[in-house]
Amino acid sequence: MGRRRRQKVRRRPQKRIPDVYPCPSCGNTAIKIELNRSDGVAGVRCGSCGLEMVVDEVNPLTEAVDIYGAFIDRFYESRSAEST
C-alpha cells in the first residue's frame, strides 16, 4: 500500500519597514530617526550631509516611517518657500 506524502509548507519572510531612509538633500541612504514618544518629539538626522530637523507631531501610535513622511513634507515646503 502506498503512503501519502505530506506537502511542505513554504513560508514567505515577512517584509520589514527599513530603519534607515534616503536623504532628500544628498541622496544617500543615511537618515536615522530618534523617536521619543514621552516628550512628543522626534529627531531626524542625516549621517552623510548633517541635515537635522526636529518633528513635533509625535503621539503614542506614531512610527518612524510617519516621522520620515512629515520630515520629507517639511523639507520640500521649506525648499519651495526659499525659491519663491
C-alpha atoms as a PDB file:
ATOM      1  CA  MET A   1       0.000   0.000   0.000  1.00  0.00           C
ATOM      2  CA  GLY A   2       1.177   3.459  -0.832  1.00  0.00           C
ATOM      3  CA  ARG A   3       1.572   6.242   1.657  1.00  0.00           C
ATOM      4  CA  ARG A   4       0.531   9.787   1.082  1.00  0.00           C
ATOM      5  CA  ARG A   5       3.323  12.303   1.111  1.00  0.00           C
ATOM      6  CA  ARG A   6       2.855  15.446   3.051  1.00  0.00           C
ATOM      7  CA  GLN A   7       3.453  18.720   1.217  1.00  0.00           C
ATOM      8  CA  LYS A   8       5.965  21.083   2.743  1.00  0.00           C
ATOM      9  CA  VAL A   9       4.575  24.387   3.892  1.00  0.00           C
ATOM     10  CA  ARG A  10       6.549  27.228   2.362  1.00  0.00           C
ATOM     11  CA  ARG A  11       6.588  30.375   4.393  1.00  0.00           C
ATOM     12  CA  ARG A  12       7.380  33.723   2.921  1.00  0.00           C
ATOM     13  CA  PRO A  13       9.502  36.043   5.014  1.00  0.00           C
ATOM     14  CA  GLN A  14       7.554  38.984   6.352  1.00  0.00           C
ATOM     15  CA  LYS A  15       8.514  42.346   4.848  1.00  0.00           C
ATOM     16  CA  ARG A  16      10.017  44.870   7.250  1.00  0.00           C
ATOM     17  CA  ILE A  17       9.934  48.642   7.239  1.00  0.00           C
ATOM     18  CA  PRO A  18      13.516  49.951   6.832  1.00  0.00           C
ATOM     19  CA  ASP A  19      15.466  51.505   9.708  1.00  0.00           C
ATOM     20  CA  VAL A  20      17.459  53.884   7.506  1.00  0.00           C
ATOM     21  CA  TYR A  21      15.900  56.175   4.905  1.00  0.00           C
ATOM     22  CA  PRO A  22      17.194  58.127   1.871  1.00  0.00           C
ATOM     23  CA  CYS A  23      18.134  61.761   2.402  1.00  0.00           C
ATOM     24  CA  PRO A  24      16.333  64.249   0.127  1.00  0.00           C
ATOM     25  CA  SER A  25      19.291  66.638   0.238  1.00  0.00           C
ATOM     26  CA  CYS A  26      22.318  64.447  -0.558  1.00  0.00           C
ATOM     27  CA  GLY A  27      20.620  61.278  -1.876  1.00  0.00           C
ATOM     28  CA  ASN A  28      22.493  58.861   0.417  1.00  0.00           C
ATOM     29  CA  THR A  29      20.614  56.324   2.499  1.00  0.00           C
ATOM     30  CA  ALA A  30      21.725  57.765   5.813  1.00  0.00           C
ATOM     31  CA  ILE A  31      18.675  59.253   7.599  1.00  0.00           C
ATOM     32  CA  LYS A  32      18.275  57.975  11.159  1.00  0.00           C
ATOM     33  CA  ILE A  33      15.224  58.771  13.265  1.00  0.00           C
ATOM     34  CA  GLU A  34      15.354  59.059  17.059  1.00  0.00           C
ATOM     35  CA  LEU A  35      11.784  58.693  18.275  1.00  0.00           C
ATOM     36  CA  ASN A  36      10.983  59.943  21.796  1.00  0.00           C
ATOM     37  CA  ARG A  37       7.284  59.382  22.476  1.00  0.00           C
ATOM     38  CA  SER A  38       7.368  60.607  26.076  1.00  0.00           C
ATOM     39  CA  ASP A  39       8.491  64.123  25.056  1.00  0.00           C
ATOM     40  CA  GLY A  40       6.386  64.176  21.902  1.00  0.00           C
ATOM     41  CA  VAL A  41       9.309  64.982  19.600  1.00  0.00           C
ATOM     42  CA  ALA A  42      11.492  63.078  17.159  1.00  0.00           C
ATOM     43  CA  GLY A  43      14.948  63.922  15.833  1.00  0.00           C
ATOM     44  CA  VAL A  44      15.769  63.305  12.184  1.00  0.00           C
ATOM     45  CA  ARG A  45      19.441  63.408  11.162  1.00  0.00           C
ATOM     46  CA  CYS A  46      21.436  62.549   8.048  1.00  0.00           C
ATOM     47  CA  GLY A  47      24.759  60.898   8.789  1.00  0.00           C
ATOM     48  CA  SER A  48      26.178  61.976   5.444  1.00  0.00           C
ATOM     49  CA  CYS A  49      25.399  65.656   4.956  1.00  0.00           C
ATOM     50  CA  GLY A  50      24.443  66.559   8.543  1.00  0.00           C
ATOM     51  CA  LEU A  51      20.891  67.698   7.753  1.00  0.00           C
ATOM     52  CA  GLU A  52      18.921  67.857  11.025  1.00  0.00           C
ATOM     53  CA  MET A  53      15.303  68.547  11.864  1.00  0.00           C
ATOM     54  CA  VAL A  54      13.024  68.132  14.877  1.00  0.00           C
ATOM     55  CA  VAL A  55       9.500  66.857  14.223  1.00  0.00           C
ATOM     56  CA  ASP A  56       6.984  67.501  16.989  1.00  0.00           C
ATOM     57  CA  GLU A  57       3.999  65.600  15.566  1.00  0.00           C
ATOM     58  CA  VAL A  58       4.586  62.507  17.733  1.00  0.00           C
ATOM     59  CA  ASN A  59       1.893  60.551  19.559  1.00  0.00           C
ATOM     60  CA  PRO A  60       1.867  57.008  21.011  1.00  0.00           C
ATOM     61  CA  LEU A  61       0.810  55.491  17.668  1.00  0.00           C
ATOM     62  CA  THR A  62       3.457  57.244  15.564  1.00  0.00           C
ATOM     63  CA  GLU A  63       6.070  55.072  13.856  1.00  0.00           C
ATOM     64  CA  ALA A  64       9.415  56.029  12.312  1.00  0.00           C
ATOM     65  CA  VAL A  65       8.014  55.939   8.782  1.00  0.00           C
ATOM     66  CA  ASP A  66       5.370  58.527   9.783  1.00  0.00           C
ATOM     67  CA  ILE A  67       8.100  60.815  11.108  1.00  0.00           C
ATOM     68  CA  TYR A  68      10.043  60.380   7.867  1.00  0.00           C
ATOM     69  CA  GLY A  69       6.974  61.375   5.850  1.00  0.00           C
ATOM     70  CA  ALA A  70       6.481  64.522   7.957  1.00  0.00           C
ATOM     71  CA  PHE A  71      10.194  65.310   7.591  1.00  0.00           C
ATOM     72  CA  ILE A  72      10.049  64.989   3.790  1.00  0.00           C
ATOM     73  CA  ASP A  73       6.966  67.239   3.656  1.00  0.00           C
ATOM     74  CA  ARG A  74       8.656  69.931   5.760  1.00  0.00           C
ATOM     75  CA  PHE A  75      11.892  69.682   3.779  1.00  0.00           C
ATOM     76  CA  TYR A  76      10.188  70.291   0.437  1.00  0.00           C
ATOM     77  CA  GLU A  77       7.926  73.019   1.890  1.00  0.00           C
ATOM     78  CA  SER A  78      10.952  74.930   3.159  1.00  0.00           C
ATOM     79  CA  ARG A  79      12.714  74.447  -0.164  1.00  0.00           C
ATOM     80  CA  SER A  80       9.772  75.766  -2.168  1.00  0.00           C
ATOM     81  CA  ALA A  81       9.442  78.742   0.193  1.00  0.00           C
ATOM     82  CA  GLU A  82      13.128  79.609  -0.347  1.00  0.00           C
ATOM     83  CA  SER A  83      12.823  79.530  -4.128  1.00  0.00           C
ATOM     84  CA  THR A  84       9.849  81.935  -4.263  1.00  0.00           C
END
